[in-house]
Amino acid sequence: MRTHLNHMIIRWLLWFALALALSHQGVHAQLISPGKLTRAHADLEGIDNCTQCHTLGNRSADNTLCLDCHTPLSDRIDAGTGLHATVSDQNCASCHKEHFGVEFVPVRFDTLNFEHEETGFELTGAHTEASCRSCHQPDFIVAEDVIAFKGEHGSLEKTFLGAATECIGCHLPDTPHENQFPEVNCNTCHDTEMWEEVPFFDHDEARFALTGKHNDVECESCHKTLNSPLGDPYVQYVEMDFATCESCHDDAHEGSFGADCESCHKTDGWNIVANLANMDFDHSSTGYDLIGSHASLECNSCHGKPARNDADIALAFTAATRGNSYPIIPVENCASCHVDYHDGVFEEEWSAGSCEQCHGEDAWYPSSFDFALHNETSTFELTGAHIATPCSGCHRPSFEEKPHFEIAETACKDCHNDDSPHGDQFISDGIETTCESCHETIDWLVASLFDHDDTEFPLTGVHESATCESCHVADSTLGTPFDIVRYRDLNTTCISCHEPDNPHADQFEGATCNSCHTTSTFYITEFDHDQTEFPLTGEHVDVSCASCHQNEAQPGDTPFIRFKPLGTACQDCHSDQ
């Protein structure tokens, strides 16, 4: 009886202590429980289970008690792995709320702003676009403690713990490799950007290193798509037969040279004979000595069958030998093998179509035709800057065309019309002033032959030292694509150029500047005051000009010297005496 009474007293004391604790937190209406537990904790409902999560006097859940139940989290925190290890110093209840009812979800976070690298698995590439549940699903959970714990509580589909971090853990169902690489990690070849690409794979590390033309072959040419025993397609990468060339290639010689293709051929091209350098055949015995670039050619470049016949090569084999492995080429000139790139332009010219006049056998380009030969054979002599101009500057105006060497018009404007800096200024009454009137080919920017004295405005005085740009400036009205500098139809009055720096403020309107000034200097050195309305006499002769002609301010506060009108009566100057 006393034992039962003691239990009753202890229980009531616990109730009272819990009520006081909750009342201390400001919860007066709920003396027993602040609300129903969530579905996940529904089995802890009841006053007897409060201390499963709470300690007396503490409203929040006790972390130690939480982790006593949630052992998978406890183990990861102890091991310092996963997201919860980064927040182990915080209270569980600060993120996971309770007592808000059965339907309340205690595990929630902002998936758009969640920093996944805090879990220890940083999302990169295509993973950054994947939804959370595409990876965090029961099929991809590999941690046994999570499977056991969450499985017992029926919440495997809700947890974010225990997911696989190896590629195969998630991608086994969609792997295209079947079971060909059981010991190889996916990231040996792939990154997370795009599974179809293999940026880390180096075929040279495989048993069959790629050399020569093999580097240009598409993967699908060798790696065929097969079907697994279940009928699923996959690409074959292992256990391939490549012991001999015939594993992939048909023998064009039908076995007449044995199976060792590499004794003659290289992967750089089947038409390249590997041991050509070791052959003792003297090609000069054919009557055609191989020199220059011809000496390094493979035999099949000229003698292979079928004969090449394209835009550059047109081999003329002797008919009786055409079917031979090495048919005979009756070499008379370059055209016996090479198509005339110039389409017969030089057949009637000084070279008579002889390629050797411009080209050598070491290399077809650059041409040996130089400016000296140009001046000797052409009607257009190269001088000045034309000597340094590349041939293509005149003979290949568009790089989409072949060079053309028949140029009928050779006046400056025929080439330079598009970049003429003068527009149509020098065409008058249908008569055009030629470029040679002013310019030489040495430097187009300098008009070395131009004499300004031959114009309507000869240069005198300080005008002789003025730069051309001082008077001749760009005028957008003359044309495009750039502003053309005006040279003709310029106003030659003094005021047309000097109006901005006019020091007289329109005092001498109607008078010309050269009434007082010369181009030698803008200062007046010998002005005859006697020609004015106030001749200087007596003491006035020695008075400085500035004593009477003083600075004034005109509109805009620009100072000017007053010359007229001025009072000429004595009191106008001497009123204070």
Protein backbone atom coordinates (compact mmCIF):
# COMPACT_ATOMS: atom_id res chain seq x y z
CA MET A 1 0.00 0.00 0.00
CA ARG A 2 2.81 2.39 0.91
CA THR A 3 4.72 1.49 -2.27
CA HIS A 4 1.71 2.29 -4.41
CA LEU A 5 1.28 5.58 -2.57
CA ASN A 6 4.94 6.44 -3.17
CA HIS A 7 4.53 5.83 -6.91
CA MET A 8 1.44 8.04 -6.94
CA ILE A 9 3.32 10.83 -5.16
CA ILE A 10 6.31 10.59 -7.55
CA ARG A 11 4.02 10.65 -10.58
CA TRP A 12 2.17 13.72 -9.29
CA LEU A 13 5.49 15.41 -8.52
CA LEU A 14 6.64 14.78 -12.10
CA TRP A 15 3.38 16.17 -13.45
CA PHE A 16 3.72 19.21 -11.23
CA ALA A 17 7.37 19.79 -12.16
CA LEU A 18 6.57 19.56 -15.88
CA ALA A 19 3.64 21.95 -15.44
CA LEU A 20 5.88 24.41 -13.61
CA ALA A 21 8.52 24.14 -16.34
CA LEU A 22 5.99 24.82 -19.09
CA SER A 23 4.38 27.61 -17.04
CA HIS A 24 7.83 29.16 -16.62
CA GLN A 25 8.08 29.35 -20.41
CA GLY A 26 4.83 31.27 -20.68
CA VAL A 27 2.58 28.35 -21.61
CA HIS A 28 -0.18 28.57 -19.03
CA ALA A 29 -3.04 27.00 -20.91
CA GLN A 30 -1.33 23.71 -21.70
CA LEU A 31 -0.29 22.25 -18.36
CA ILE A 32 0.21 18.71 -19.62
CA SER A 33 1.28 18.77 -23.34
CA PRO A 34 1.80 21.63 -25.84
CA GLY A 35 0.24 19.59 -28.66
CA LYS A 36 0.04 16.29 -30.46
CA LEU A 37 3.23 14.64 -31.65
CA THR A 38 3.97 14.08 -35.35
CA ARG A 39 3.20 10.73 -36.93
CA ALA A 40 6.84 9.69 -36.69
CA HIS A 41 6.78 10.12 -32.88
CA ALA A 42 3.15 9.10 -32.32
CA ASP A 43 4.23 6.07 -30.31
CA LEU A 44 5.66 8.47 -27.68
CA GLU A 45 2.30 10.10 -26.89
CA GLY A 46 1.38 10.14 -23.22
CA ILE A 47 2.71 11.70 -20.03
CA ASP A 48 4.70 8.59 -19.24
CA ASN A 49 6.91 9.16 -22.33
CA CYS A 50 7.78 12.85 -21.83
CA THR A 51 11.15 12.00 -20.34
CA GLN A 52 11.96 9.94 -23.45
CA CYS A 53 12.78 13.26 -25.13
CA HIS A 54 12.78 15.92 -22.37
CA THR A 55 14.67 16.38 -19.14
CA LEU A 56 12.89 18.00 -16.22
CA GLY A 57 13.00 21.81 -16.31
CA ASN A 58 13.99 21.94 -20.00
CA ARG A 59 11.29 22.78 -22.53
CA SER A 60 13.37 21.78 -25.57
CA ALA A 61 14.16 18.21 -26.46
CA ASP A 62 17.42 16.90 -25.07
CA ASN A 63 20.00 16.22 -27.83
CA THR A 64 21.39 13.22 -25.98
CA LEU A 65 17.95 11.64 -25.71
CA CYS A 66 17.28 12.35 -29.41
CA LEU A 67 20.51 10.67 -30.47
CA ASP A 68 19.88 7.71 -28.16
CA CYS A 69 17.02 6.85 -30.53
CA HIS A 70 18.37 8.20 -33.81
CA THR A 71 21.49 6.06 -33.78
CA PRO A 72 22.35 6.47 -37.50
CA LEU A 73 22.68 10.20 -36.90
CA SER A 74 24.58 9.66 -33.65
CA ASP A 75 27.11 7.41 -35.39
CA ARG A 76 27.68 9.96 -38.19
CA ILE A 77 28.11 12.84 -35.77
CA ASP A 78 30.66 10.81 -33.79
CA ALA A 79 32.48 10.04 -37.04
CA GLY A 80 32.36 13.71 -38.09
CA THR A 81 30.58 12.95 -41.39
CA GLY A 82 27.39 14.23 -42.96
CA LEU A 83 25.38 17.42 -42.48
CA HIS A 84 24.52 16.84 -38.80
CA ALA A 85 28.18 16.70 -37.85
CA THR A 86 28.43 20.35 -38.94
CA VAL A 87 25.58 21.40 -36.59
CA SER A 88 26.26 19.05 -33.66
CA ASP A 89 26.58 22.03 -31.31
CA GLN A 90 22.99 23.10 -31.97
CA ASN A 91 19.80 21.87 -30.36
CA CYS A 92 17.85 19.35 -32.42
CA ALA A 93 14.63 21.25 -31.72
CA SER A 94 16.00 24.40 -33.38
CA CYS A 95 15.44 22.70 -36.73
CA HIS A 96 13.02 19.86 -36.00
CA LYS A 97 9.82 21.11 -34.35
CA GLU A 98 7.35 18.87 -32.52
CA HIS A 99 3.91 18.95 -30.89
CA PHE A 100 2.32 20.53 -33.96
CA GLY A 101 0.07 17.63 -34.77
CA VAL A 102 0.14 14.30 -36.57
CA GLU A 103 0.35 15.79 -40.07
CA PHE A 104 3.19 18.16 -39.28
CA VAL A 105 6.45 17.45 -41.16
CA PRO A 106 9.41 17.85 -38.78
CA VAL A 107 12.10 17.46 -41.48
CA ARG A 108 11.97 20.38 -43.87
CA PHE A 109 14.52 22.71 -45.45
CA ASP A 110 14.93 25.04 -48.41
CA THR A 111 16.03 22.70 -51.18
CA LEU A 112 16.78 25.59 -53.54
CA ASN A 113 19.31 27.23 -51.21
CA PHE A 114 20.60 24.15 -49.44
CA GLU A 115 24.42 23.92 -49.46
CA HIS A 116 24.85 20.27 -50.36
CA GLU A 117 28.64 20.35 -49.92
CA GLU A 118 28.03 20.53 -46.16
CA THR A 119 26.96 16.89 -46.33
CA GLY A 120 30.41 15.93 -47.61
CA PHE A 121 29.11 15.27 -51.16
CA GLU A 122 29.40 18.36 -53.36
CA LEU A 123 26.99 18.57 -56.28
CA THR A 124 28.71 19.34 -59.61
CA GLY A 125 27.75 19.22 -63.27
CA ALA A 126 24.41 17.59 -64.04
CA HIS A 127 23.93 16.76 -60.35
CA THR A 128 23.17 20.42 -59.66
CA GLU A 129 20.02 20.12 -61.81
CA ALA A 130 18.78 16.85 -60.27
CA SER A 131 15.86 16.89 -57.83
CA CYS A 132 16.59 15.74 -54.27
CA ARG A 133 14.41 12.64 -54.47
CA SER A 134 15.95 11.50 -57.74
CA CYS A 135 18.94 10.43 -55.58
CA HIS A 136 17.45 10.18 -52.09
CA GLN A 137 15.10 7.26 -52.59
CA PRO A 138 14.92 3.82 -50.95
CA ASP A 139 16.48 2.00 -53.93
CA PHE A 140 19.67 4.08 -53.63
CA ILE A 141 20.18 3.74 -49.83
CA VAL A 142 23.23 1.59 -49.16
CA ALA A 143 23.93 2.28 -45.46
CA GLU A 144 22.73 -0.80 -43.54
CA ASP A 145 22.11 1.08 -40.28
CA VAL A 146 19.84 3.53 -42.11
CA ILE A 147 18.03 0.74 -43.91
CA ALA A 148 17.44 -1.05 -40.58
CA PHE A 149 16.41 2.05 -38.60
CA LYS A 150 14.24 3.74 -41.23
CA GLY A 151 12.81 0.43 -42.37
CA GLU A 152 11.70 -0.38 -38.83
CA HIS A 153 9.89 2.98 -38.66
CA GLY A 154 8.50 2.77 -42.18
CA SER A 155 10.19 5.97 -43.37
CA LEU A 156 12.78 4.85 -45.90
CA GLU A 157 11.13 6.98 -48.57
CA LYS A 158 11.39 10.09 -46.38
CA THR A 159 14.99 9.98 -45.22
CA PHE A 160 17.97 11.71 -46.78
CA LEU A 161 20.50 9.51 -44.99
CA GLY A 162 22.54 6.62 -46.28
CA ALA A 163 22.41 7.36 -50.02
CA ALA A 164 25.18 5.91 -52.18
CA THR A 165 28.07 8.23 -53.05
CA GLU A 166 29.58 5.94 -55.70
CA CYS A 167 28.27 6.49 -59.25
CA ILE A 168 27.16 2.90 -59.62
CA GLY A 169 25.03 3.20 -56.49
CA CYS A 170 22.54 5.37 -58.42
CA HIS A 171 23.36 4.66 -62.04
CA LEU A 172 23.50 0.86 -62.06
CA PRO A 173 20.04 0.58 -63.68
CA ASP A 174 21.02 2.86 -66.58
CA THR A 175 24.67 1.87 -67.03
CA PRO A 176 25.50 1.33 -70.72
CA HIS A 177 28.45 -0.91 -69.96
CA GLU A 178 26.72 -4.08 -68.69
CA ASN A 179 29.37 -5.75 -66.46
CA GLN A 180 32.44 -4.85 -68.51
CA PHE A 181 34.12 -2.65 -65.85
CA PRO A 182 33.43 -4.22 -62.44
CA GLU A 183 36.66 -2.93 -60.86
CA VAL A 184 36.77 0.51 -62.52
CA ASN A 185 35.30 3.67 -61.00
CA CYS A 186 33.07 5.68 -63.32
CA ASN A 187 35.07 8.86 -62.70
CA THR A 188 38.09 7.20 -64.27
CA CYS A 189 36.55 8.21 -67.59
CA HIS A 190 33.50 10.37 -66.89
CA ASP A 191 32.78 13.63 -65.10
CA THR A 192 29.41 14.85 -63.86
CA GLU A 193 28.80 17.25 -66.75
CA MET A 194 27.64 14.78 -69.39
CA TRP A 195 27.64 11.00 -69.16
CA GLU A 196 27.90 10.59 -72.93
CA GLU A 197 31.36 12.20 -72.92
CA VAL A 198 34.56 10.65 -71.50
CA PRO A 199 36.92 13.60 -70.84
CA PHE A 200 39.24 11.58 -68.59
CA PHE A 201 39.59 8.57 -70.86
CA ASP A 202 42.90 8.16 -72.68
CA HIS A 203 42.87 5.42 -75.30
CA ASP A 204 46.65 5.25 -75.10
CA GLU A 205 46.26 3.67 -71.67
CA ALA A 206 44.17 0.88 -73.15
CA ARG A 207 45.68 -2.31 -74.56
CA PHE A 208 45.23 -0.89 -78.07
CA ALA A 209 46.81 2.57 -78.31
CA LEU A 210 45.54 4.73 -81.17
CA THR A 211 48.10 5.98 -83.68
CA GLY A 212 47.96 7.62 -87.08
CA LYS A 213 44.59 7.49 -88.85
CA HIS A 214 43.09 5.48 -85.98
CA ASN A 215 42.89 8.75 -84.04
CA ASP A 216 40.35 10.05 -86.57
CA VAL A 217 38.08 7.00 -86.54
CA GLU A 218 34.70 7.33 -84.82
CA CYS A 219 34.38 5.19 -81.69
CA GLU A 220 31.32 3.43 -83.16
CA SER A 221 33.43 2.13 -86.07
CA CYS A 222 35.19 -0.32 -83.74
CA HIS A 223 32.97 -0.45 -80.66
CA LYS A 224 29.73 -2.02 -81.82
CA THR A 225 26.43 -2.20 -79.97
CA LEU A 226 25.58 -5.71 -78.68
CA ASN A 227 22.68 -7.13 -76.69
CA SER A 228 22.97 -8.58 -73.21
CA PRO A 229 21.42 -11.97 -72.36
CA LEU A 230 18.34 -10.04 -71.23
CA GLY A 231 18.16 -8.22 -74.54
CA ASP A 232 19.46 -4.85 -73.27
CA PRO A 233 21.77 -3.07 -75.73
CA TYR A 234 25.29 -2.12 -74.66
CA VAL A 235 28.49 -1.01 -76.39
CA GLN A 236 31.35 -3.49 -76.39
CA TYR A 237 34.61 -2.11 -74.97
CA VAL A 238 36.40 -5.20 -73.61
CA GLU A 239 37.32 -8.62 -74.97
CA MET A 240 37.68 -7.27 -78.51
CA ASP A 241 39.74 -8.96 -81.19
CA PHE A 242 42.55 -6.71 -82.41
CA ALA A 243 45.43 -9.18 -82.62
CA THR A 244 46.03 -8.45 -86.34
CA CYS A 245 45.01 -5.77 -88.81
CA GLU A 246 42.68 -8.30 -90.44
CA SER A 247 40.62 -8.27 -87.26
CA CYS A 248 39.12 -5.06 -88.63
CA HIS A 249 40.46 -4.59 -92.18
CA ASP A 250 40.10 -6.67 -95.33
CA ASP A 251 43.40 -7.71 -96.91
CA ALA A 252 43.60 -5.80 -100.20
CA HIS A 253 46.44 -8.11 -101.28
CA GLU A 254 44.40 -11.27 -100.67
CA GLY A 255 47.19 -12.86 -98.64
CA SER A 256 49.91 -12.48 -101.24
CA PHE A 257 52.13 -10.55 -98.80
CA GLY A 258 51.33 -12.55 -95.67
CA ALA A 259 49.48 -11.36 -92.56
CA ASP A 260 52.06 -8.90 -91.25
CA CYS A 261 50.60 -5.69 -92.68
CA GLU A 262 52.91 -3.58 -90.51
CA SER A 263 55.95 -4.82 -92.38
CA CYS A 264 54.97 -2.38 -95.16
CA HIS A 265 52.19 -0.15 -93.91
CA LYS A 266 51.84 2.45 -91.19
CA THR A 267 48.73 3.68 -89.44
CA ASP A 268 49.43 7.16 -90.83
CA GLY A 269 47.86 5.88 -94.06
CA TRP A 270 47.65 2.56 -95.82
CA ASN A 271 49.10 4.10 -98.98
CA ILE A 272 52.29 5.01 -97.09
CA VAL A 273 55.01 2.39 -97.42
CA ALA A 274 56.73 2.07 -94.06
CA ASN A 275 60.16 0.93 -95.26
CA LEU A 276 60.40 3.25 -98.25
CA ALA A 277 63.50 4.91 -96.78
CA ASN A 278 65.30 1.56 -96.78
CA MET A 279 64.56 0.74 -100.40
CA ASP A 280 67.48 0.75 -102.85
CA PHE A 281 65.40 1.62 -105.91
CA ASP A 282 67.04 4.41 -107.93
CA HIS A 283 64.19 6.46 -109.36
CA SER A 284 66.55 8.42 -111.62
CA SER A 285 66.83 5.24 -113.71
CA THR A 286 63.27 5.91 -114.91
CA GLY A 287 64.39 9.16 -116.47
CA TYR A 288 62.74 11.26 -113.77
CA ASP A 289 64.98 12.20 -110.88
CA LEU A 290 63.13 12.82 -107.61
CA ILE A 291 64.30 16.05 -106.03
CA GLY A 292 62.87 18.52 -103.54
CA SER A 293 59.44 17.61 -102.22
CA HIS A 294 59.17 14.79 -104.74
CA ALA A 295 61.95 12.94 -102.93
CA SER A 296 59.88 12.59 -99.74
CA LEU A 297 56.69 11.41 -101.42
CA GLU A 298 55.44 7.88 -100.88
CA CYS A 299 55.41 5.75 -104.00
CA ASN A 300 51.63 5.42 -103.88
CA SER A 301 51.26 9.20 -104.08
CA CYS A 302 51.94 8.92 -107.80
CA HIS A 303 51.75 5.25 -108.63
CA GLY A 304 48.79 4.14 -106.53
CA LYS A 305 45.64 2.82 -108.11
CA PRO A 306 43.08 3.95 -108.90
CA ALA A 307 44.82 7.05 -110.18
CA ARG A 308 43.99 10.29 -108.41
CA ASN A 309 41.97 12.64 -110.56
CA ASP A 310 40.79 15.66 -108.63
CA ALA A 311 41.17 19.43 -108.67
CA ASP A 312 44.94 19.28 -108.11
CA ILE A 313 46.22 16.00 -109.53
CA ALA A 314 45.53 14.46 -112.93
CA LEU A 315 47.97 11.63 -113.53
CA ALA A 316 48.44 10.59 -117.14
CA PHE A 317 49.41 6.90 -117.00
CA THR A 318 50.66 4.97 -119.98
CA ALA A 319 47.58 3.03 -121.09
CA ALA A 320 49.25 -0.40 -121.18
CA THR A 321 50.43 -0.06 -117.56
CA ARG A 322 47.34 1.55 -116.01
CA GLY A 323 46.31 -1.59 -114.12
CA ASN A 324 49.76 -2.24 -112.66
CA SER A 325 50.67 -1.62 -109.02
CA TYR A 326 53.16 0.96 -110.24
CA PRO A 327 51.88 2.26 -113.61
CA ILE A 328 54.22 4.34 -115.75
CA ILE A 329 53.80 8.11 -115.91
CA PRO A 330 55.30 9.66 -119.05
CA VAL A 331 56.54 12.85 -117.41
CA GLU A 332 56.95 15.63 -119.96
CA ASN A 333 56.23 18.60 -117.74
CA CYS A 334 54.42 19.47 -114.52
CA ALA A 335 51.06 19.16 -116.27
CA SER A 336 51.69 15.43 -116.66
CA CYS A 337 50.71 15.10 -113.01
CA HIS A 338 49.40 18.47 -111.85
CA VAL A 339 46.33 20.34 -112.97
CA ASP A 340 47.19 23.89 -114.07
CA TYR A 341 46.07 25.98 -111.10
CA HIS A 342 46.15 29.12 -113.23
CA ASP A 343 43.74 27.78 -115.86
CA GLY A 344 46.10 28.46 -118.78
CA VAL A 345 46.67 32.16 -118.04
CA PHE A 346 50.42 31.87 -118.64
CA GLU A 347 50.31 29.64 -121.73
CA GLU A 348 50.52 32.70 -124.01
CA GLU A 349 52.69 34.77 -121.71
CA TRP A 350 56.47 35.06 -121.40
CA SER A 351 56.70 31.80 -119.40
CA ALA A 352 54.86 29.77 -122.06
CA GLY A 353 53.16 27.83 -119.31
CA SER A 354 56.42 26.64 -117.77
CA CYS A 355 55.75 26.19 -114.03
CA GLU A 356 59.48 26.24 -113.25
CA GLN A 357 59.64 29.93 -114.14
CA CYS A 358 57.90 30.73 -110.86
CA HIS A 359 57.82 27.53 -108.80
CA GLY A 360 60.44 25.13 -107.52
CA GLU A 361 60.17 21.47 -106.57
CA ASP A 362 61.05 22.13 -102.93
CA ALA A 363 57.69 23.84 -102.40
CA TRP A 364 55.08 25.35 -104.68
CA TYR A 365 54.75 28.32 -102.35
CA PRO A 366 56.17 30.90 -102.01
CA SER A 367 56.77 31.59 -105.65
CA SER A 368 60.25 32.44 -106.87
CA PHE A 369 58.75 35.18 -109.02
CA ASP A 370 60.09 38.39 -107.41
CA PHE A 371 59.58 42.10 -107.97
CA ALA A 372 62.64 42.35 -110.22
CA LEU A 373 61.13 39.75 -112.55
CA HIS A 374 57.81 41.54 -112.25
CA ASN A 375 59.38 44.77 -113.50
CA GLU A 376 61.11 42.91 -116.31
CA THR A 377 58.08 41.03 -117.62
CA SER A 378 55.11 43.17 -116.58
CA THR A 379 53.77 46.45 -117.97
CA PHE A 380 53.30 47.70 -114.39
CA GLU A 381 56.60 48.57 -112.73
CA LEU A 382 56.72 48.08 -108.95
CA THR A 383 58.17 51.05 -107.08
CA GLY A 384 58.07 52.41 -103.56
CA ALA A 385 55.59 50.75 -101.25
CA HIS A 386 54.40 48.52 -104.08
CA ILE A 387 57.64 46.56 -103.76
CA ALA A 388 56.69 45.52 -100.21
CA THR A 389 53.06 44.77 -101.09
CA PRO A 390 52.29 41.02 -101.05
CA CYS A 391 51.24 39.57 -104.39
CA SER A 392 47.79 38.80 -102.98
CA GLY A 393 47.25 42.51 -102.35
CA CYS A 394 46.72 43.06 -106.08
CA HIS A 395 46.28 39.62 -107.56
CA ARG A 396 43.83 38.17 -105.06
CA PRO A 397 41.30 40.82 -104.03
CA SER A 398 39.04 38.17 -102.51
CA PHE A 399 40.40 35.15 -100.64
CA GLU A 400 37.43 33.17 -101.91
CA GLU A 401 38.84 33.38 -105.44
CA LYS A 402 41.95 32.18 -107.20
CA PRO A 403 44.64 34.77 -107.87
CA HIS A 404 44.13 36.56 -111.18
CA PHE A 405 47.11 37.89 -113.07
CA GLU A 406 45.50 39.55 -116.07
CA ILE A 407 44.91 43.08 -114.80
CA ALA A 408 43.88 45.48 -117.56
CA GLU A 409 43.42 48.68 -115.55
CA THR A 410 46.48 49.84 -113.59
CA ALA A 411 45.67 53.44 -112.64
CA CYS A 412 45.85 54.24 -108.92
CA LYS A 413 42.08 54.57 -108.64
CA ASP A 414 41.57 51.11 -110.12
CA CYS A 415 42.97 49.61 -106.93
CA HIS A 416 42.59 52.39 -104.38
CA ASN A 417 39.17 53.75 -105.23
CA ASP A 418 37.55 52.10 -102.21
CA ASP A 419 40.05 53.54 -99.77
CA SER A 420 40.48 56.92 -101.43
CA PRO A 421 40.68 59.67 -98.80
CA HIS A 422 39.54 62.35 -101.24
CA GLY A 423 36.15 61.23 -102.55
CA ASP A 424 35.27 63.09 -105.74
CA GLN A 425 36.93 66.39 -104.81
CA PHE A 426 39.47 66.21 -107.59
CA ILE A 427 37.06 65.63 -110.45
CA SER A 428 36.14 68.87 -112.17
CA ASP A 429 34.04 69.14 -115.35
CA GLY A 430 34.55 65.42 -115.88
CA ILE A 431 38.34 65.78 -115.76
CA GLU A 432 40.02 63.92 -112.91
CA THR A 433 43.23 65.01 -111.29
CA THR A 434 45.46 61.93 -111.15
CA CYS A 435 46.97 60.68 -107.91
CA GLU A 436 50.44 61.07 -109.37
CA SER A 437 49.93 64.83 -109.44
CA CYS A 438 50.57 64.92 -105.70
CA HIS A 439 51.63 61.47 -104.51
CA GLU A 440 54.48 59.06 -105.03
CA THR A 441 54.40 55.33 -104.30
CA ILE A 442 56.91 55.81 -101.48
CA ASP A 443 54.33 57.05 -98.99
CA TRP A 444 50.67 57.72 -99.73
CA LEU A 445 50.27 59.83 -96.60
CA VAL A 446 52.73 62.44 -97.84
CA ALA A 447 51.79 64.55 -100.89
CA SER A 448 55.44 65.08 -101.77
CA LEU A 449 54.73 66.43 -105.26
CA PHE A 450 52.06 68.89 -104.19
CA ASP A 451 52.86 72.63 -104.22
CA HIS A 452 50.35 74.82 -102.40
CA ASP A 453 51.53 77.85 -104.37
CA ASP A 454 49.82 76.33 -107.41
CA THR A 455 46.46 76.70 -105.70
CA GLU A 456 44.24 79.79 -105.35
CA PHE A 457 45.64 80.26 -101.84
CA PRO A 458 49.47 80.41 -101.78
CA LEU A 459 50.94 79.99 -98.32
CA THR A 460 52.84 82.94 -96.89
CA GLY A 461 54.15 83.98 -93.49
CA VAL A 462 53.16 81.76 -90.59
CA HIS A 463 50.78 79.88 -92.88
CA GLU A 464 53.81 78.11 -94.30
CA SER A 465 54.51 76.43 -90.92
CA ALA A 466 50.88 75.53 -90.19
CA THR A 467 49.98 71.84 -90.39
CA CYS A 468 47.66 70.73 -93.17
CA GLU A 469 45.15 69.56 -90.52
CA SER A 470 44.89 73.14 -89.22
CA CYS A 471 42.83 74.10 -92.25
CA HIS A 472 41.90 70.81 -93.92
CA VAL A 473 39.64 68.82 -91.60
CA ALA A 474 37.28 65.87 -92.08
CA ASP A 475 33.92 66.74 -93.59
CA SER A 476 31.23 64.07 -93.19
CA THR A 477 29.22 65.59 -96.04
CA LEU A 478 31.81 64.40 -98.56
CA GLY A 479 31.11 60.69 -98.17
CA THR A 480 31.48 57.49 -96.23
CA PRO A 481 32.56 55.00 -94.85
CA PHE A 482 34.96 57.46 -93.23
CA ASP A 483 34.96 61.22 -92.99
CA ILE A 484 36.82 62.61 -95.99
CA VAL A 485 39.17 65.57 -95.51
CA ARG A 486 38.08 68.62 -97.47
CA TYR A 487 40.70 70.13 -99.77
CA ARG A 488 38.62 72.02 -102.30
CA ASP A 489 35.92 74.70 -102.12
CA LEU A 490 37.30 76.08 -98.85
CA ASN A 491 36.58 79.66 -97.81
CA THR A 492 39.86 81.57 -97.99
CA THR A 493 38.90 84.68 -96.06
CA CYS A 494 40.77 85.26 -92.82
CA ILE A 495 37.59 85.21 -90.75
CA SER A 496 36.57 81.77 -92.08
CA CYS A 497 39.45 80.24 -90.12
CA HIS A 498 40.12 82.81 -87.39
CA GLU A 499 36.58 83.65 -86.32
CA PRO A 500 36.83 81.56 -83.11
CA ASP A 501 39.89 83.59 -82.00
CA ASN A 502 38.63 86.98 -83.29
CA PRO A 503 40.05 89.57 -80.81
CA HIS A 504 38.07 92.53 -82.14
CA ALA A 505 34.47 91.53 -81.32
CA ASP A 506 33.10 92.78 -84.67
CA GLN A 507 34.52 96.33 -84.23
CA PHE A 508 35.85 96.31 -87.79
CA GLU A 509 32.85 94.81 -89.58
CA GLY A 510 33.17 95.41 -93.28
CA ALA A 511 36.95 95.78 -93.19
CA THR A 512 39.34 93.01 -94.24
CA CYS A 513 41.97 91.66 -91.87
CA ASN A 514 44.79 92.45 -94.27
CA SER A 515 43.92 96.15 -93.97
CA CYS A 516 46.05 96.05 -90.81
CA HIS A 517 47.59 92.59 -90.58
CA THR A 518 49.94 90.42 -92.63
CA THR A 519 50.48 86.65 -92.46
CA SER A 520 53.97 87.20 -91.05
CA THR A 521 52.55 88.06 -87.65
CA PHE A 522 49.14 88.89 -86.32
CA TYR A 523 50.58 91.74 -84.25
CA ILE A 524 50.60 95.20 -85.88
CA THR A 525 54.13 96.52 -85.91
CA GLU A 526 53.76 99.70 -88.03
CA PHE A 527 50.20 100.99 -87.77
CA ASP A 528 49.71 104.54 -89.13
CA HIS A 529 47.43 106.28 -86.63
CA ASP A 530 47.31 109.33 -88.85
CA GLN A 531 44.98 107.42 -91.16
CA THR A 532 42.35 107.33 -88.43
CA GLU A 533 39.96 110.07 -87.29
CA PHE A 534 42.40 110.91 -84.47
CA PRO A 535 45.95 111.62 -85.73
CA LEU A 536 48.57 111.52 -83.00
CA THR A 537 50.36 114.77 -82.27
CA GLY A 538 52.54 116.14 -79.51
CA GLU A 539 52.76 114.00 -76.40
CA HIS A 540 50.19 111.63 -77.85
CA VAL A 541 52.88 110.23 -80.16
CA ASP A 542 54.73 108.62 -77.24
CA VAL A 543 51.68 107.30 -75.39
CA SER A 544 51.35 103.50 -75.36
CA CYS A 545 48.43 102.02 -77.27
CA ALA A 546 47.06 100.36 -74.11
CA SER A 547 46.69 103.75 -72.41
CA CYS A 548 43.73 104.55 -74.65
CA HIS A 549 42.77 101.15 -76.06
CA GLN A 550 41.87 99.11 -73.01
CA ASN A 551 40.36 95.64 -72.40
CA GLU A 552 36.63 95.29 -72.18
CA ALA A 553 34.37 92.31 -71.64
CA GLN A 554 32.06 91.27 -74.42
CA PRO A 555 29.02 89.01 -74.08
CA GLY A 556 30.20 85.73 -72.62
CA ASP A 557 32.87 87.56 -70.60
CA THR A 558 35.47 87.17 -73.35
CA PRO A 559 37.84 90.17 -73.11
CA PHE A 560 38.67 92.28 -76.14
CA ILE A 561 40.56 95.52 -76.74
CA ARG A 562 38.40 98.53 -77.53
CA PHE A 563 39.53 100.27 -80.74
CA LYS A 564 36.30 101.83 -81.93
CA PRO A 565 34.21 103.71 -81.28
CA LEU A 566 36.21 105.86 -78.85
CA GLY A 567 35.63 109.48 -77.86
CA THR A 568 38.22 111.86 -79.27
CA ALA A 569 37.46 114.93 -77.12
CA CYS A 570 40.10 115.81 -74.52
CA GLN A 571 37.68 115.34 -71.61
CA ASP A 572 36.97 111.77 -72.80
CA CYS A 573 40.43 110.83 -71.50
CA HIS A 574 41.44 113.74 -69.27
CA SER A 575 38.25 114.44 -67.33
CA ASP A 576 39.94 113.56 -64.03
CA GLN A 577 42.73 116.15 -64.41
